[in-house]
Amino acid sequence: MMRSGSVILVFVIFHILHLTTGSLGLPFRELDVYGNLTAGFHVPWVSIFYIVAMVFLGMHLYHGLWTIFPLLGVSHLRYTRMLKWAAHVFAILIAGGNISIPVAVLAGWLRT
């Protein structure tokens, strides 16, 4: 089974090739960040790839945040529930915020 870190690495490479270098054959105009983003997300498979990658990013962030606390010595029954909740909220906010962009483009709320 592929781990979330591997998926995120593939996503980062794709993201750079898509929005920075324009070398994927998708619509691209140099220095037109908004146009490149919206034009790329109008391609359904690109949006789906980004959404899936963001789900993996959310899982990766949650796991990383949740496991870093005991490694730093912050592990007490009094704080465990709050730290786990904070890790969930942070991961959901980051992943959800990033997912909202391709969803908004596909829904027609953002246009080129």
N, C-alpha and C. Protein backbone atom coordinates (compact mmCIF):
# COMPACT_ATOMS: atom_id res chain seq x y z
N MET A 1 0.84 -1.18 0.00
CA MET A 1 0.00 0.00 0.00
C MET A 1 0.89 1.25 0.00
N MET A 2 0.52 2.21 -0.82
CA MET A 2 1.29 3.44 -0.89
C MET A 2 1.02 4.30 0.33
N ARG A 3 2.04 4.86 0.89
CA ARG A 3 1.89 5.72 2.07
C ARG A 3 1.57 7.14 1.63
N SER A 4 1.00 7.92 2.56
CA SER A 4 0.58 9.28 2.22
C SER A 4 1.75 10.15 1.80
N GLY A 5 2.90 9.95 2.37
CA GLY A 5 4.07 10.74 1.99
C GLY A 5 4.44 10.58 0.53
N SER A 6 4.29 9.36 0.01
CA SER A 6 4.59 9.11 -1.41
C SER A 6 3.58 9.82 -2.31
N VAL A 7 2.31 9.78 -1.93
CA VAL A 7 1.28 10.47 -2.70
C VAL A 7 1.54 11.97 -2.69
N ILE A 8 1.92 12.50 -1.54
CA ILE A 8 2.18 13.93 -1.43
C ILE A 8 3.40 14.32 -2.26
N LEU A 9 4.41 13.48 -2.30
CA LEU A 9 5.58 13.76 -3.14
C LEU A 9 5.18 13.83 -4.61
N VAL A 10 4.39 12.87 -5.08
CA VAL A 10 3.92 12.89 -6.46
C VAL A 10 3.10 14.15 -6.70
N PHE A 11 2.26 14.53 -5.73
CA PHE A 11 1.45 15.74 -5.85
C PHE A 11 2.34 16.98 -5.97
N VAL A 12 3.36 17.09 -5.14
CA VAL A 12 4.24 18.27 -5.18
C VAL A 12 4.92 18.38 -6.54
N ILE A 13 5.40 17.27 -7.06
CA ILE A 13 6.03 17.27 -8.39
C ILE A 13 5.01 17.70 -9.45
N PHE A 14 3.82 17.11 -9.40
CA PHE A 14 2.76 17.47 -10.36
C PHE A 14 2.40 18.94 -10.23
N HIS A 15 2.27 19.41 -9.00
CA HIS A 15 1.91 20.80 -8.73
C HIS A 15 2.93 21.77 -9.33
N ILE A 16 4.20 21.47 -9.16
CA ILE A 16 5.27 22.32 -9.72
C ILE A 16 5.22 22.29 -11.25
N LEU A 17 5.10 21.10 -11.82
CA LEU A 17 5.05 20.99 -13.27
C LEU A 17 3.80 21.67 -13.84
N HIS A 18 2.70 21.60 -13.11
CA HIS A 18 1.43 22.17 -13.58
C HIS A 18 1.42 23.70 -13.46
N LEU A 19 1.73 24.22 -12.29
CA LEU A 19 1.52 25.64 -12.04
C LEU A 19 2.77 26.50 -12.09
N THR A 20 3.94 25.90 -12.10
CA THR A 20 5.17 26.69 -12.12
C THR A 20 5.86 26.63 -13.48
N THR A 21 5.99 25.44 -14.02
CA THR A 21 6.72 25.31 -15.29
C THR A 21 5.79 25.19 -16.49
N GLY A 22 4.55 24.76 -16.26
CA GLY A 22 3.60 24.59 -17.35
C GLY A 22 3.99 23.50 -18.33
N SER A 23 4.68 22.49 -17.86
CA SER A 23 5.21 21.48 -18.76
C SER A 23 4.36 20.21 -18.83
N LEU A 24 3.09 20.29 -18.48
CA LEU A 24 2.24 19.10 -18.52
C LEU A 24 1.27 19.10 -19.70
N GLY A 25 1.33 20.10 -20.53
CA GLY A 25 0.40 20.18 -21.65
C GLY A 25 -0.96 20.71 -21.28
N LEU A 26 -1.10 21.17 -20.05
CA LEU A 26 -2.35 21.79 -19.60
C LEU A 26 -2.28 23.28 -19.93
N PRO A 27 -3.44 23.96 -19.94
CA PRO A 27 -3.42 25.41 -20.22
C PRO A 27 -2.46 26.13 -19.27
N PHE A 28 -1.57 26.97 -19.84
CA PHE A 28 -0.57 27.67 -19.02
C PHE A 28 -0.14 28.95 -19.71
N ARG A 29 -0.16 30.04 -18.94
CA ARG A 29 0.40 31.32 -19.40
C ARG A 29 1.32 31.83 -18.30
N GLU A 30 2.52 32.14 -18.66
CA GLU A 30 3.51 32.59 -17.69
C GLU A 30 3.00 33.81 -16.93
N LEU A 31 3.20 33.78 -15.62
CA LEU A 31 2.84 34.85 -14.68
C LEU A 31 1.34 35.05 -14.50
N ASP A 32 0.51 34.15 -15.00
CA ASP A 32 -0.94 34.24 -14.82
C ASP A 32 -1.38 33.14 -13.85
N VAL A 33 -1.11 33.35 -12.57
CA VAL A 33 -1.36 32.31 -11.57
C VAL A 33 -2.84 31.96 -11.51
N TYR A 34 -3.71 32.95 -11.40
CA TYR A 34 -5.14 32.70 -11.30
C TYR A 34 -5.66 31.99 -12.56
N GLY A 35 -5.26 32.47 -13.71
CA GLY A 35 -5.69 31.85 -14.97
C GLY A 35 -5.22 30.42 -15.10
N ASN A 36 -3.97 30.17 -14.73
CA ASN A 36 -3.43 28.81 -14.80
C ASN A 36 -4.18 27.87 -13.84
N LEU A 37 -4.44 28.38 -12.65
CA LEU A 37 -5.13 27.58 -11.64
C LEU A 37 -6.54 27.23 -12.11
N THR A 38 -7.31 28.23 -12.51
CA THR A 38 -8.69 27.97 -12.91
C THR A 38 -8.77 27.16 -14.21
N ALA A 39 -7.91 27.45 -15.16
CA ALA A 39 -7.92 26.68 -16.41
C ALA A 39 -7.55 25.22 -16.15
N GLY A 40 -6.57 25.00 -15.29
CA GLY A 40 -6.17 23.62 -14.97
C GLY A 40 -7.26 22.87 -14.24
N PHE A 41 -7.94 23.54 -13.31
CA PHE A 41 -8.98 22.87 -12.54
C PHE A 41 -10.28 22.68 -13.32
N HIS A 42 -10.39 23.29 -14.48
CA HIS A 42 -11.53 23.00 -15.35
C HIS A 42 -11.38 21.62 -16.00
N VAL A 43 -10.19 21.05 -15.94
CA VAL A 43 -9.96 19.69 -16.44
C VAL A 43 -10.30 18.75 -15.28
N PRO A 44 -11.39 17.97 -15.40
CA PRO A 44 -11.87 17.17 -14.27
C PRO A 44 -10.84 16.26 -13.62
N TRP A 45 -10.02 15.57 -14.42
CA TRP A 45 -9.05 14.65 -13.80
C TRP A 45 -8.01 15.40 -12.98
N VAL A 46 -7.69 16.62 -13.37
CA VAL A 46 -6.73 17.42 -12.60
C VAL A 46 -7.35 17.76 -11.24
N SER A 47 -8.60 18.21 -11.26
CA SER A 47 -9.28 18.54 -10.00
C SER A 47 -9.41 17.32 -9.10
N ILE A 48 -9.77 16.19 -9.68
CA ILE A 48 -9.91 14.97 -8.89
C ILE A 48 -8.57 14.58 -8.27
N PHE A 49 -7.49 14.68 -9.05
CA PHE A 49 -6.16 14.37 -8.53
C PHE A 49 -5.81 15.29 -7.35
N TYR A 50 -6.08 16.58 -7.49
CA TYR A 50 -5.80 17.52 -6.41
C TYR A 50 -6.64 17.20 -5.18
N ILE A 51 -7.91 16.88 -5.36
CA ILE A 51 -8.77 16.57 -4.23
C ILE A 51 -8.28 15.32 -3.50
N VAL A 52 -7.96 14.28 -4.24
CA VAL A 52 -7.45 13.05 -3.63
C VAL A 52 -6.13 13.33 -2.90
N ALA A 53 -5.26 14.10 -3.52
CA ALA A 53 -3.98 14.43 -2.88
C ALA A 53 -4.20 15.22 -1.59
N MET A 54 -5.21 16.09 -1.57
CA MET A 54 -5.49 16.87 -0.36
C MET A 54 -6.07 16.00 0.75
N VAL A 55 -6.82 14.98 0.39
CA VAL A 55 -7.31 14.03 1.40
C VAL A 55 -6.11 13.33 2.04
N PHE A 56 -5.17 12.91 1.21
CA PHE A 56 -3.95 12.28 1.74
C PHE A 56 -3.15 13.28 2.57
N LEU A 57 -3.09 14.53 2.14
CA LEU A 57 -2.39 15.56 2.92
C LEU A 57 -3.04 15.72 4.29
N GLY A 58 -4.37 15.74 4.32
CA GLY A 58 -5.07 15.85 5.60
C GLY A 58 -4.74 14.69 6.53
N MET A 59 -4.75 13.48 5.99
CA MET A 59 -4.41 12.31 6.82
C MET A 59 -2.96 12.39 7.29
N HIS A 60 -2.08 12.83 6.41
CA HIS A 60 -0.66 12.95 6.73
C HIS A 60 -0.45 14.00 7.83
N LEU A 61 -1.11 15.15 7.69
CA LEU A 61 -0.99 16.20 8.70
C LEU A 61 -1.54 15.74 10.05
N TYR A 62 -2.70 15.10 10.03
CA TYR A 62 -3.28 14.62 11.28
C TYR A 62 -2.33 13.66 11.98
N HIS A 63 -1.85 12.68 11.23
CA HIS A 63 -0.95 11.68 11.83
C HIS A 63 0.33 12.35 12.34
N GLY A 64 0.89 13.25 11.55
CA GLY A 64 2.12 13.93 11.96
C GLY A 64 1.92 14.77 13.20
N LEU A 65 0.84 15.53 13.24
CA LEU A 65 0.58 16.37 14.42
C LEU A 65 0.29 15.53 15.65
N TRP A 66 -0.52 14.50 15.46
CA TRP A 66 -0.90 13.67 16.59
C TRP A 66 0.30 12.93 17.17
N THR A 67 1.22 12.47 16.33
CA THR A 67 2.36 11.70 16.85
C THR A 67 3.51 12.58 17.31
N ILE A 68 3.54 13.84 16.91
CA ILE A 68 4.66 14.69 17.32
C ILE A 68 4.57 15.07 18.81
N PHE A 69 3.35 15.17 19.34
CA PHE A 69 3.20 15.59 20.74
C PHE A 69 3.88 14.64 21.71
N PRO A 70 3.64 13.33 21.64
CA PRO A 70 4.37 12.43 22.55
C PRO A 70 5.88 12.45 22.32
N LEU A 71 6.30 12.62 21.07
CA LEU A 71 7.74 12.68 20.80
C LEU A 71 8.38 13.89 21.47
N LEU A 72 7.61 14.96 21.62
CA LEU A 72 8.12 16.16 22.29
C LEU A 72 7.89 16.13 23.79
N GLY A 73 7.34 15.02 24.28
CA GLY A 73 7.13 14.88 25.71
C GLY A 73 5.79 15.43 26.19
N VAL A 74 4.92 15.81 25.27
CA VAL A 74 3.61 16.34 25.64
C VAL A 74 2.62 15.19 25.55
N SER A 75 2.51 14.44 26.61
CA SER A 75 1.56 13.34 26.63
C SER A 75 1.05 13.18 28.05
N HIS A 76 -0.12 13.68 28.27
CA HIS A 76 -0.75 13.64 29.57
C HIS A 76 -2.24 13.42 29.35
N LEU A 77 -2.86 12.59 30.16
CA LEU A 77 -4.27 12.29 29.97
C LEU A 77 -5.13 13.55 29.93
N ARG A 78 -4.73 14.55 30.65
CA ARG A 78 -5.50 15.80 30.71
C ARG A 78 -5.54 16.49 29.34
N TYR A 79 -4.45 16.38 28.57
CA TYR A 79 -4.35 17.11 27.30
C TYR A 79 -4.54 16.26 26.05
N THR A 80 -4.55 14.94 26.22
CA THR A 80 -4.61 14.05 25.06
C THR A 80 -5.82 14.32 24.18
N ARG A 81 -7.00 14.40 24.78
CA ARG A 81 -8.22 14.62 23.99
C ARG A 81 -8.16 15.95 23.25
N MET A 82 -7.70 17.00 23.91
CA MET A 82 -7.62 18.32 23.28
C MET A 82 -6.60 18.34 22.15
N LEU A 83 -5.45 17.71 22.34
CA LEU A 83 -4.42 17.68 21.31
C LEU A 83 -4.89 16.88 20.09
N LYS A 84 -5.58 15.77 20.34
CA LYS A 84 -6.10 14.98 19.23
C LYS A 84 -7.15 15.78 18.46
N TRP A 85 -8.02 16.48 19.18
CA TRP A 85 -9.04 17.32 18.55
C TRP A 85 -8.37 18.43 17.73
N ALA A 86 -7.34 19.07 18.29
CA ALA A 86 -6.64 20.15 17.58
C ALA A 86 -5.97 19.62 16.31
N ALA A 87 -5.40 18.44 16.37
CA ALA A 87 -4.79 17.84 15.18
C ALA A 87 -5.85 17.57 14.11
N HIS A 88 -7.01 17.07 14.51
CA HIS A 88 -8.12 16.85 13.57
C HIS A 88 -8.54 18.16 12.92
N VAL A 89 -8.78 19.17 13.74
CA VAL A 89 -9.27 20.46 13.24
C VAL A 89 -8.27 21.07 12.26
N PHE A 90 -7.00 21.07 12.63
CA PHE A 90 -5.97 21.66 11.77
C PHE A 90 -5.91 20.94 10.43
N ALA A 91 -5.90 19.61 10.45
CA ALA A 91 -5.82 18.83 9.22
C ALA A 91 -7.05 19.06 8.35
N ILE A 92 -8.23 19.12 8.96
CA ILE A 92 -9.46 19.34 8.20
C ILE A 92 -9.48 20.74 7.60
N LEU A 93 -9.05 21.74 8.34
CA LEU A 93 -9.03 23.11 7.82
C LEU A 93 -8.08 23.25 6.63
N ILE A 94 -6.89 22.69 6.75
CA ILE A 94 -5.91 22.80 5.65
C ILE A 94 -6.40 22.02 4.43
N ALA A 95 -6.75 20.76 4.63
CA ALA A 95 -7.20 19.94 3.49
C ALA A 95 -8.50 20.48 2.91
N GLY A 96 -9.45 20.82 3.76
CA GLY A 96 -10.73 21.35 3.29
C GLY A 96 -10.59 22.66 2.54
N GLY A 97 -9.73 23.53 3.04
CA GLY A 97 -9.50 24.80 2.34
C GLY A 97 -8.90 24.58 0.97
N ASN A 98 -7.95 23.67 0.87
CA ASN A 98 -7.33 23.38 -0.43
C ASN A 98 -8.30 22.65 -1.37
N ILE A 99 -9.14 21.80 -0.82
CA ILE A 99 -10.13 21.09 -1.64
C ILE A 99 -11.17 22.06 -2.19
N SER A 100 -11.47 23.10 -1.43
CA SER A 100 -12.51 24.05 -1.86
C SER A 100 -12.15 24.76 -3.17
N ILE A 101 -10.88 24.86 -3.51
CA ILE A 101 -10.48 25.57 -4.73
C ILE A 101 -10.89 24.80 -5.99
N PRO A 102 -10.47 23.53 -6.17
CA PRO A 102 -10.92 22.83 -7.37
C PRO A 102 -12.44 22.62 -7.38
N VAL A 103 -13.05 22.44 -6.21
CA VAL A 103 -14.50 22.28 -6.15
C VAL A 103 -15.18 23.56 -6.65
N ALA A 104 -14.67 24.72 -6.22
CA ALA A 104 -15.24 26.00 -6.65
C ALA A 104 -15.10 26.20 -8.15
N VAL A 105 -13.98 25.77 -8.71
CA VAL A 105 -13.79 25.89 -10.16
C VAL A 105 -14.74 24.96 -10.90
N LEU A 106 -14.83 23.70 -10.46
CA LEU A 106 -15.72 22.74 -11.11
C LEU A 106 -17.19 23.16 -10.99
N ALA A 107 -17.54 23.80 -9.87
CA ALA A 107 -18.91 24.24 -9.65
C ALA A 107 -19.24 25.51 -10.43
N GLY A 108 -18.22 26.15 -10.99
CA GLY A 108 -18.44 27.36 -11.75
C GLY A 108 -18.41 28.64 -10.93
N TRP A 109 -18.00 28.55 -9.66
CA TRP A 109 -17.92 29.74 -8.81
C TRP A 109 -16.68 30.56 -9.10
N LEU A 110 -15.64 29.93 -9.63
CA LEU A 110 -14.43 30.64 -10.07
C LEU A 110 -14.27 30.41 -11.56
N ARG A 111 -14.08 31.46 -12.27
CA ARG A 111 -13.95 31.36 -13.74
C ARG A 111 -12.63 31.95 -14.19
N THR A 112 -12.20 31.54 -15.38
CA THR A 112 -10.96 32.09 -15.94
C THR A 112 -11.19 33.48 -16.50
